[in-house]
Amino acid sequence: METTVRKEIEALRHMPVGQLRKRYAEVFGEETRSHHKHFLFRRIAWRIQALAEGGLSERGTVGGGQWGTAGTVGDGTVGDGTVGDSLK
């Protein structure tokens, strides 16, 4: 990880929630409803790293590997989105 990215992430650790919410809006382009400091820190740090390193590989994204696609159950059948679909 680049030194500048590491320093930017380290600076996040010392930010109060208000500043983290502002930074979240800057890196994601939208406001967050969260006021949870640890959640905000992790999401922003992940986004900064993804932007610096080119994002996730196809395998690392949902639908790009073993995870299947939205709307399918583990056996490949289409579920209706209710709890227990994966148990059918």
PDB file of N, CA and C in Angstrom:
ATOM      1  N   MET A   1       0.845  -1.175   0.000  1.00  0.00           N
ATOM      2  CA  MET A   1       0.000   0.000   0.000  1.00  0.00           C
ATOM      3  C   MET A   1       0.893   1.242   0.000  1.00  0.00           C
ATOM      4  N   GLU A   2       0.516   2.203  -0.809  1.00  0.00           N
ATOM      5  CA  GLU A   2       1.312   3.423  -0.905  1.00  0.00           C
ATOM      6  C   GLU A   2       1.335   4.168   0.425  1.00  0.00           C
ATOM      7  N   THR A   3       2.406   4.900   0.634  1.00  0.00           N
ATOM      8  CA  THR A   3       2.558   5.668   1.865  1.00  0.00           C
ATOM      9  C   THR A   3       1.467   6.721   2.006  1.00  0.00           C
ATOM     10  N   THR A   4       1.091   7.390   0.912  1.00  0.00           N
ATOM     11  CA  THR A   4       0.062   8.427   0.996  1.00  0.00           C
ATOM     12  C   THR A   4      -1.293   7.832   1.365  1.00  0.00           C
ATOM     13  N   VAL A   5      -1.609   6.667   0.835  1.00  0.00           N
ATOM     14  CA  VAL A   5      -2.869   6.007   1.169  1.00  0.00           C
ATOM     15  C   VAL A   5      -2.857   5.600   2.635  1.00  0.00           C
ATOM     16  N   ARG A   6      -1.741   5.046   3.067  1.00  0.00           N
ATOM     17  CA  ARG A   6      -1.610   4.637   4.473  1.00  0.00           C
ATOM     18  C   ARG A   6      -1.782   5.834   5.410  1.00  0.00           C
ATOM     19  N   LYS A   7      -1.183   6.970   5.067  1.00  0.00           N
ATOM     20  CA  LYS A   7      -1.303   8.167   5.895  1.00  0.00           C
ATOM     21  C   LYS A   7      -2.733   8.696   5.916  1.00  0.00           C
ATOM     22  N   GLU A   8      -3.388   8.627   4.757  1.00  0.00           N
ATOM     23  CA  GLU A   8      -4.769   9.088   4.679  1.00  0.00           C
ATOM     24  C   GLU A   8      -5.681   8.221   5.548  1.00  0.00           C
ATOM     25  N   ILE A   9      -5.461   6.921   5.510  1.00  0.00           N
ATOM     26  CA  ILE A   9      -6.260   6.010   6.329  1.00  0.00           C
ATOM     27  C   ILE A   9      -5.959   6.209   7.808  1.00  0.00           C
ATOM     28  N   GLU A  10      -4.714   6.413   8.138  1.00  0.00           N
ATOM     29  CA  GLU A  10      -4.350   6.662   9.540  1.00  0.00           C
ATOM     30  C   GLU A  10      -5.009   7.933  10.059  1.00  0.00           C
ATOM     31  N   ALA A  11      -5.116   8.947   9.217  1.00  0.00           N
ATOM     32  CA  ALA A  11      -5.773  10.199   9.617  1.00  0.00           C
ATOM     33  C   ALA A  11      -7.245   9.970   9.927  1.00  0.00           C
ATOM     34  N   LEU A  12      -7.868   9.017   9.236  1.00  0.00           N
ATOM     35  CA  LEU A  12      -9.282   8.704   9.496  1.00  0.00           C
ATOM     36  C   LEU A  12      -9.498   8.241  10.930  1.00  0.00           C
ATOM     37  N   ARG A  13      -8.522   7.528  11.471  1.00  0.00           N
ATOM     38  CA  ARG A  13      -8.643   6.978  12.836  1.00  0.00           C
ATOM     39  C   ARG A  13      -8.877   8.058  13.884  1.00  0.00           C
ATOM     40  N   HIS A  14      -8.397   9.249  13.603  1.00  0.00           N
ATOM     41  CA  HIS A  14      -8.468  10.325  14.597  1.00  0.00           C
ATOM     42  C   HIS A  14      -9.600  11.310  14.327  1.00  0.00           C
ATOM     43  N   MET A  15     -10.391  11.071  13.290  1.00  0.00           N
ATOM     44  CA  MET A  15     -11.479  11.979  12.945  1.00  0.00           C
ATOM     45  C   MET A  15     -12.717  11.703  13.797  1.00  0.00           C
ATOM     46  N   PRO A  16     -13.397  12.747  14.208  1.00  0.00           N
ATOM     47  CA  PRO A  16     -14.686  12.537  14.873  1.00  0.00           C
ATOM     48  C   PRO A  16     -15.734  12.108  13.831  1.00  0.00           C
ATOM     49  N   VAL A  17     -16.864  11.628  14.297  1.00  0.00           N
ATOM     50  CA  VAL A  17     -17.904  11.099  13.415  1.00  0.00           C
ATOM     51  C   VAL A  17     -18.347  12.125  12.373  1.00  0.00           C
ATOM     52  N   GLY A  18     -18.485  13.375  12.753  1.00  0.00           N
ATOM     53  CA  GLY A  18     -18.913  14.408  11.808  1.00  0.00           C
ATOM     54  C   GLY A  18     -17.974  14.531  10.615  1.00  0.00           C
ATOM     55  N   GLN A  19     -16.683  14.490  10.875  1.00  0.00           N
ATOM     56  CA  GLN A  19     -15.704  14.564   9.788  1.00  0.00           C
ATOM     57  C   GLN A  19     -15.716  13.291   8.948  1.00  0.00           C
ATOM     58  N   LEU A  20     -15.909  12.145   9.594  1.00  0.00           N
ATOM     59  CA  LEU A  20     -15.983  10.891   8.851  1.00  0.00           C
ATOM     60  C   LEU A  20     -17.191  10.891   7.918  1.00  0.00           C
ATOM     61  N   ARG A  21     -18.305  11.420   8.378  1.00  0.00           N
ATOM     62  CA  ARG A  21     -19.503  11.492   7.529  1.00  0.00           C
ATOM     63  C   ARG A  21     -19.251  12.399   6.319  1.00  0.00           C
ATOM     64  N   LYS A  22     -18.543  13.484   6.547  1.00  0.00           N
ATOM     65  CA  LYS A  22     -18.212  14.383   5.444  1.00  0.00           C
ATOM     66  C   LYS A  22     -17.271  13.696   4.453  1.00  0.00           C
ATOM     67  N   ARG A  23     -16.286  12.995   4.969  1.00  0.00           N
ATOM     68  CA  ARG A  23     -15.328  12.292   4.110  1.00  0.00           C
ATOM     69  C   ARG A  23     -16.022  11.174   3.333  1.00  0.00           C
ATOM     70  N   TYR A  24     -16.963  10.497   3.970  1.00  0.00           N
ATOM     71  CA  TYR A  24     -17.744   9.455   3.309  1.00  0.00           C
ATOM     72  C   TYR A  24     -18.443  10.031   2.081  1.00  0.00           C
ATOM     73  N   ALA A  25     -19.081  11.178   2.257  1.00  0.00           N
ATOM     74  CA  ALA A  25     -19.776  11.823   1.140  1.00  0.00           C
ATOM     75  C   ALA A  25     -18.800  12.178   0.021  1.00  0.00           C
ATOM     76  N   GLU A  26     -17.590  12.565   0.383  1.00  0.00           N
ATOM     77  CA  GLU A  26     -16.584  12.913  -0.627  1.00  0.00           C
ATOM     78  C   GLU A  26     -16.152  11.693  -1.441  1.00  0.00           C
ATOM     79  N   VAL A  27     -15.902  10.567  -0.778  1.00  0.00           N
ATOM     80  CA  VAL A  27     -15.360   9.409  -1.496  1.00  0.00           C
ATOM     81  C   VAL A  27     -16.437   8.556  -2.160  1.00  0.00           C
ATOM     82  N   PHE A  28     -17.667   8.574  -1.648  1.00  0.00           N
ATOM     83  CA  PHE A  28     -18.735   7.773  -2.238  1.00  0.00           C
ATOM     84  C   PHE A  28     -19.690   8.599  -3.089  1.00  0.00           C
ATOM     85  N   GLY A  29     -19.655   9.916  -2.966  1.00  0.00           N
ATOM     86  CA  GLY A  29     -20.534  10.759  -3.759  1.00  0.00           C
ATOM     87  C   GLY A  29     -21.961  10.805  -3.270  1.00  0.00           C
ATOM     88  N   GLU A  30     -22.185  10.357  -2.045  1.00  0.00           N
ATOM     89  CA  GLU A  30     -23.512  10.405  -1.441  1.00  0.00           C
ATOM     90  C   GLU A  30     -23.376  10.432   0.072  1.00  0.00           C
ATOM     91  N   GLU A  31     -24.400  10.956   0.723  1.00  0.00           N
ATOM     92  CA  GLU A  31     -24.373  11.024   2.178  1.00  0.00           C
ATOM     93  C   GLU A  31     -24.669   9.654   2.775  1.00  0.00           C
ATOM     94  N   THR A  32     -24.261   9.474   4.008  1.00  0.00           N
ATOM     95  CA  THR A  32     -24.545   8.240   4.736  1.00  0.00           C
ATOM     96  C   THR A  32     -25.512   8.531   5.876  1.00  0.00           C
ATOM     97  N   ARG A  33     -26.290   7.536   6.234  1.00  0.00           N
ATOM     98  CA  ARG A  33     -27.186   7.684   7.385  1.00  0.00           C
ATOM     99  C   ARG A  33     -26.495   7.216   8.659  1.00  0.00           C
ATOM    100  N   SER A  34     -25.361   6.558   8.515  1.00  0.00           N
ATOM    101  CA  SER A  34     -24.673   5.967   9.655  1.00  0.00           C
ATOM    102  C   SER A  34     -23.978   7.019  10.519  1.00  0.00           C
ATOM    103  N   HIS A  35     -24.006   6.768  11.818  1.00  0.00           N
ATOM    104  CA  HIS A  35     -23.253   7.563  12.784  1.00  0.00           C
ATOM    105  C   HIS A  35     -22.284   6.659  13.557  1.00  0.00           C
ATOM    106  N   HIS A  36     -22.059   5.461  13.036  1.00  0.00           N
ATOM    107  CA  HIS A  36     -21.198   4.475  13.690  1.00  0.00           C
ATOM    108  C   HIS A  36     -19.759   4.679  13.226  1.00  0.00           C
ATOM    109  N   LYS A  37     -18.925   5.133  14.135  1.00  0.00           N
ATOM    110  CA  LYS A  37     -17.558   5.520  13.791  1.00  0.00           C
ATOM    111  C   LYS A  37     -16.762   4.381  13.151  1.00  0.00           C
ATOM    112  N   HIS A  38     -16.817   3.202  13.723  1.00  0.00           N
ATOM    113  CA  HIS A  38     -16.026   2.083  13.210  1.00  0.00           C
ATOM    114  C   HIS A  38     -16.494   1.687  11.808  1.00  0.00           C
ATOM    115  N   PHE A  39     -17.796   1.653  11.593  1.00  0.00           N
ATOM    116  CA  PHE A  39     -18.337   1.340  10.268  1.00  0.00           C
ATOM    117  C   PHE A  39     -17.855   2.359   9.241  1.00  0.00           C
ATOM    118  N   LEU A  40     -17.979   3.632   9.569  1.00  0.00           N
ATOM    119  CA  LEU A  40     -17.564   4.691   8.639  1.00  0.00           C
ATOM    120  C   LEU A  40     -16.077   4.577   8.324  1.00  0.00           C
ATOM    121  N   PHE A  41     -15.272   4.372   9.352  1.00  0.00           N
ATOM    122  CA  PHE A  41     -13.829   4.228   9.149  1.00  0.00           C
ATOM    123  C   PHE A  41     -13.528   3.095   8.163  1.00  0.00           C
ATOM    124  N   ARG A  42     -14.121   1.928   8.392  1.00  0.00           N
ATOM    125  CA  ARG A  42     -13.839   0.768   7.539  1.00  0.00           C
ATOM    126  C   ARG A  42     -14.290   0.988   6.101  1.00  0.00           C
ATOM    127  N   ARG A  43     -15.480   1.533   5.911  1.00  0.00           N
ATOM    128  CA  ARG A  43     -15.996   1.758   4.559  1.00  0.00           C
ATOM    129  C   ARG A  43     -15.141   2.773   3.795  1.00  0.00           C
ATOM    130  N   ILE A  44     -14.778   3.864   4.471  1.00  0.00           N
ATOM    131  CA  ILE A  44     -13.977   4.902   3.811  1.00  0.00           C
ATOM    132  C   ILE A  44     -12.585   4.357   3.495  1.00  0.00           C
ATOM    133  N   ALA A  45     -11.983   3.656   4.439  1.00  0.00           N
ATOM    134  CA  ALA A  45     -10.650   3.089   4.212  1.00  0.00           C
ATOM    135  C   ALA A  45     -10.680   2.115   3.038  1.00  0.00           C
ATOM    136  N   TRP A  46     -11.705   1.277   2.969  1.00  0.00           N
ATOM    137  CA  TRP A  46     -11.841   0.339   1.857  1.00  0.00           C
ATOM    138  C   TRP A  46     -11.950   1.087   0.527  1.00  0.00           C
ATOM    139  N   ARG A  47     -12.771   2.147   0.514  1.00  0.00           N
ATOM    140  CA  ARG A  47     -12.977   2.905  -0.726  1.00  0.00           C
ATOM    141  C   ARG A  47     -11.693   3.601  -1.166  1.00  0.00           C
ATOM    142  N   ILE A  48     -10.963   4.176  -0.237  1.00  0.00           N
ATOM    143  CA  ILE A  48      -9.699   4.847  -0.566  1.00  0.00           C
ATOM    144  C   ILE A  48      -8.713   3.844  -1.170  1.00  0.00           C
ATOM    145  N   GLN A  49      -8.624   2.661  -0.572  1.00  0.00           N
ATOM    146  CA  GLN A  49      -7.743   1.622  -1.103  1.00  0.00           C
ATOM    147  C   GLN A  49      -8.204   1.163  -2.479  1.00  0.00           C
ATOM    148  N   ALA A  50      -9.507   0.969  -2.649  1.00  0.00           N
ATOM    149  CA  ALA A  50     -10.036   0.514  -3.937  1.00  0.00           C
ATOM    150  C   ALA A  50      -9.752   1.535  -5.028  1.00  0.00           C
ATOM    151  N   LEU A  51      -9.917   2.799  -4.735  1.00  0.00           N
ATOM    152  CA  LEU A  51      -9.639   3.837  -5.721  1.00  0.00           C
ATOM    153  C   LEU A  51      -8.152   3.895  -6.063  1.00  0.00           C
ATOM    154  N   ALA A  52      -7.304   3.726  -5.057  1.00  0.00           N
ATOM    155  CA  ALA A  52      -5.862   3.806  -5.266  1.00  0.00           C
ATOM    156  C   ALA A  52      -5.320   2.592  -6.020  1.00  0.00           C
ATOM    157  N   GLU A  53      -5.918   1.435  -5.782  1.00  0.00           N
ATOM    158  CA  GLU A  53      -5.391   0.192  -6.343  1.00  0.00           C
ATOM    159  C   GLU A  53      -6.220  -0.351  -7.505  1.00  0.00           C
ATOM    160  N   GLY A  54      -7.215   0.387  -7.926  1.00  0.00           N
ATOM    161  CA  GLY A  54      -7.996  -0.035  -9.087  1.00  0.00           C
ATOM    162  C   GLY A  54      -9.232  -0.844  -8.790  1.00  0.00           C
ATOM    163  N   GLY A  55      -9.720  -0.854  -7.572  1.00  0.00           N
ATOM    164  CA  GLY A  55     -10.955  -1.558  -7.248  1.00  0.00           C
ATOM    165  C   GLY A  55     -10.770  -3.039  -7.045  1.00  0.00           C
ATOM    166  N   LEU A  56     -11.881  -3.752  -7.034  1.00  0.00           N
ATOM    167  CA  LEU A  56     -11.868  -5.188  -6.815  1.00  0.00           C
ATOM    168  C   LEU A  56     -11.778  -5.935  -8.137  1.00  0.00           C
ATOM    169  N   SER A  57     -11.229  -7.103  -8.087  1.00  0.00           N
ATOM    170  CA  SER A  57     -11.206  -7.964  -9.270  1.00  0.00           C
ATOM    171  C   SER A  57     -12.623  -8.469  -9.521  1.00  0.00           C
ATOM    172  N   GLU A  58     -12.847  -9.067 -10.682  1.00  0.00           N
ATOM    173  CA  GLU A  58     -14.170  -9.613 -10.996  1.00  0.00           C
ATOM    174  C   GLU A  58     -14.571 -10.664  -9.970  1.00  0.00           C
ATOM    175  N   ARG A  59     -13.635 -11.470  -9.546  1.00  0.00           N
ATOM    176  CA  ARG A  59     -13.918 -12.522  -8.564  1.00  0.00           C
ATOM    177  C   ARG A  59     -14.324 -11.927  -7.226  1.00  0.00           C
ATOM    178  N   GLY A  60     -13.820 -10.738  -6.899  1.00  0.00           N
ATOM    179  CA  GLY A  60     -14.120 -10.120  -5.616  1.00  0.00           C
ATOM    180  C   GLY A  60     -15.446  -9.404  -5.565  1.00  0.00           C
ATOM    181  N   THR A  61     -16.147  -9.307  -6.670  1.00  0.00           N
ATOM    182  CA  THR A  61     -17.445  -8.636  -6.678  1.00  0.00           C
ATOM    183  C   THR A  61     -18.561  -9.653  -6.656  1.00  0.00           C
ATOM    184  N   VAL A  62     -19.724  -9.261  -6.166  1.00  0.00           N
ATOM    185  CA  VAL A  62     -20.870 -10.154  -6.111  1.00  0.00           C
ATOM    186  C   VAL A  62     -21.253 -10.551  -7.530  1.00  0.00           C
ATOM    187  N   GLY A  63     -21.472 -11.814  -7.744  1.00  0.00           N
ATOM    188  CA  GLY A  63     -21.854 -12.304  -9.067  1.00  0.00           C
ATOM    189  C   GLY A  63     -20.664 -12.632  -9.947  1.00  0.00           C
ATOM    190  N   GLY A  64     -19.460 -12.386  -9.468  1.00  0.00           N
ATOM    191  CA  GLY A  64     -18.296 -12.617 -10.298  1.00  0.00           C
ATOM    192  C   GLY A  64     -17.597 -13.921 -10.029  1.00  0.00           C
ATOM    193  N   GLY A  65     -18.209 -14.802  -9.305  1.00  0.00           N
ATOM    194  CA  GLY A  65     -17.537 -16.057  -9.023  1.00  0.00           C
ATOM    195  C   GLY A  65     -18.494 -17.043  -8.420  1.00  0.00           C
ATOM    196  N   GLN A  66     -18.118 -17.599  -7.294  1.00  0.00           N
ATOM    197  CA  GLN A  66     -18.898 -18.654  -6.676  1.00  0.00           C
ATOM    198  C   GLN A  66     -20.167 -18.154  -6.018  1.00  0.00           C
ATOM    199  N   TRP A  67     -20.369 -16.864  -5.921  1.00  0.00           N
ATOM    200  CA  TRP A  67     -21.486 -16.325  -5.155  1.00  0.00           C
ATOM    201  C   TRP A  67     -22.807 -16.383  -5.908  1.00  0.00           C
ATOM    202  N   GLY A  68     -22.817 -16.574  -7.196  1.00  0.00           N
ATOM    203  CA  GLY A  68     -24.062 -16.623  -7.951  1.00  0.00           C
ATOM    204  C   GLY A  68     -24.554 -15.218  -8.253  1.00  0.00           C
ATOM    205  N   THR A  69     -25.792 -15.119  -8.677  1.00  0.00           N
ATOM    206  CA  THR A  69     -26.350 -13.819  -9.010  1.00  0.00           C
ATOM    207  C   THR A  69     -27.515 -13.513  -8.097  1.00  0.00           C
ATOM    208  N   ALA A  70     -27.871 -12.253  -8.012  1.00  0.00           N
ATOM    209  CA  ALA A  70     -28.983 -11.835  -7.162  1.00  0.00           C
ATOM    210  C   ALA A  70     -30.249 -12.524  -7.626  1.00  0.00           C
ATOM    211  N   GLY A  71     -31.041 -13.013  -6.688  1.00  0.00           N
ATOM    212  CA  GLY A  71     -32.296 -13.650  -7.024  1.00  0.00           C
ATOM    213  C   GLY A  71     -32.211 -15.159  -7.176  1.00  0.00           C
ATOM    214  N   THR A  72     -31.007 -15.721  -7.075  1.00  0.00           N
ATOM    215  CA  THR A  72     -30.891 -17.169  -7.178  1.00  0.00           C
ATOM    216  C   THR A  72     -30.537 -17.748  -5.830  1.00  0.00           C
ATOM    217  N   VAL A  73     -31.003 -18.949  -5.615  1.00  0.00           N
ATOM    218  CA  VAL A  73     -30.700 -19.685  -4.405  1.00  0.00           C
ATOM    219  C   VAL A  73     -29.456 -20.510  -4.691  1.00  0.00           C
ATOM    220  N   GLY A  74     -28.813 -21.041  -3.680  1.00  0.00           N
ATOM    221  CA  GLY A  74     -27.571 -21.776  -3.852  1.00  0.00           C
ATOM    222  C   GLY A  74     -27.606 -22.874  -4.897  1.00  0.00           C
ATOM    223  N   ASP A  75     -28.773 -23.468  -5.126  1.00  0.00           N
ATOM    224  CA  ASP A  75     -28.856 -24.537  -6.124  1.00  0.00           C
ATOM    225  C   ASP A  75     -29.171 -24.017  -7.520  1.00  0.00           C
ATOM    226  N   GLY A  76     -29.231 -22.675  -7.682  1.00  0.00           N
ATOM    227  CA  GLY A  76     -29.452 -22.079  -8.984  1.00  0.00           C
ATOM    228  C   GLY A  76     -30.907 -21.759  -9.279  1.00  0.00           C
ATOM    229  N   THR A  77     -31.825 -22.217  -8.412  1.00  0.00           N
ATOM    230  CA  THR A  77     -33.227 -21.897  -8.634  1.00  0.00           C
ATOM    231  C   THR A  77     -33.502 -20.472  -8.196  1.00  0.00           C
ATOM    232  N   VAL A  78     -34.539 -19.891  -8.749  1.00  0.00           N
ATOM    233  CA  VAL A  78     -34.873 -18.507  -8.409  1.00  0.00           C
ATOM    234  C   VAL A  78     -35.733 -18.506  -7.167  1.00  0.00           C
ATOM    235  N   GLY A  79     -35.326 -17.698  -6.182  1.00  0.00           N
ATOM    236  CA  GLY A  79     -36.105 -17.580  -4.958  1.00  0.00           C
ATOM    237  C   GLY A  79     -36.985 -16.360  -4.992  1.00  0.00           C
ATOM    238  N   ASP A  80     -37.918 -16.301  -4.068  1.00  0.00           N
ATOM    239  CA  ASP A  80     -38.822 -15.158  -4.022  1.00  0.00           C
ATOM    240  C   ASP A  80     -38.354 -14.073  -3.044  1.00  0.00           C
ATOM    241  N   GLY A  81     -37.180 -14.255  -2.471  1.00  0.00           N
ATOM    242  CA  GLY A  81     -36.612 -13.242  -1.576  1.00  0.00           C
ATOM    243  C   GLY A  81     -37.030 -13.394  -0.133  1.00  0.00           C
ATOM    244  N   THR A  82     -37.841 -14.388   0.187  1.00  0.00           N
ATOM    245  CA  THR A  82     -38.267 -14.567   1.569  1.00  0.00           C
ATOM    246  C   THR A  82     -37.236 -15.350   2.334  1.00  0.00           C
ATOM    247  N   VAL A  83     -37.273 -15.199   3.650  1.00  0.00           N
ATOM    248  CA  VAL A  83     -36.373 -15.950   4.500  1.00  0.00           C
ATOM    249  C   VAL A  83     -36.684 -17.428   4.331  1.00  0.00           C
ATOM    250  N   GLY A  84     -35.668 -18.219   4.189  1.00  0.00           N
ATOM    251  CA  GLY A  84     -35.835 -19.646   4.033  1.00  0.00           C
ATOM    252  C   GLY A  84     -35.675 -20.128   2.613  1.00  0.00           C
ATOM    253  N   ASP A  85     -35.516 -19.202   1.666  1.00  0.00           N
ATOM    254  CA  ASP A  85     -35.297 -19.607   0.274  1.00  0.00           C
ATOM    255  C   ASP A  85     -34.145 -20.580   0.155  1.00  0.00           C
ATOM    256  N   SER A  86     -33.086 -20.305   0.896  1.00  0.00           N
ATOM    257  CA  SER A  86     -31.913 -21.161   0.769  1.00  0.00           C
ATOM    258  C   SER A  86     -32.128 -22.530   1.389  1.00  0.00           C
ATOM    259  N   LEU A  87     -33.231 -22.693   2.144  1.00  0.00           N
ATOM    260  CA  LEU A  87     -33.507 -23.977   2.776  1.00  0.00           C
ATOM    261  C   LEU A  87     -34.375 -24.872   1.894  1.00  0.00           C
ATOM    262  N   LYS A  88     -34.887 -24.340   0.793  1.00  0.00           N
ATOM    263  CA  LYS A  88     -35.768 -25.118  -0.092  1.00  0.00           C
ATOM    264  C   LYS A  88     -34.977 -26.157  -0.846  1.00  0.00           C
TER     265      LYS A  88
END
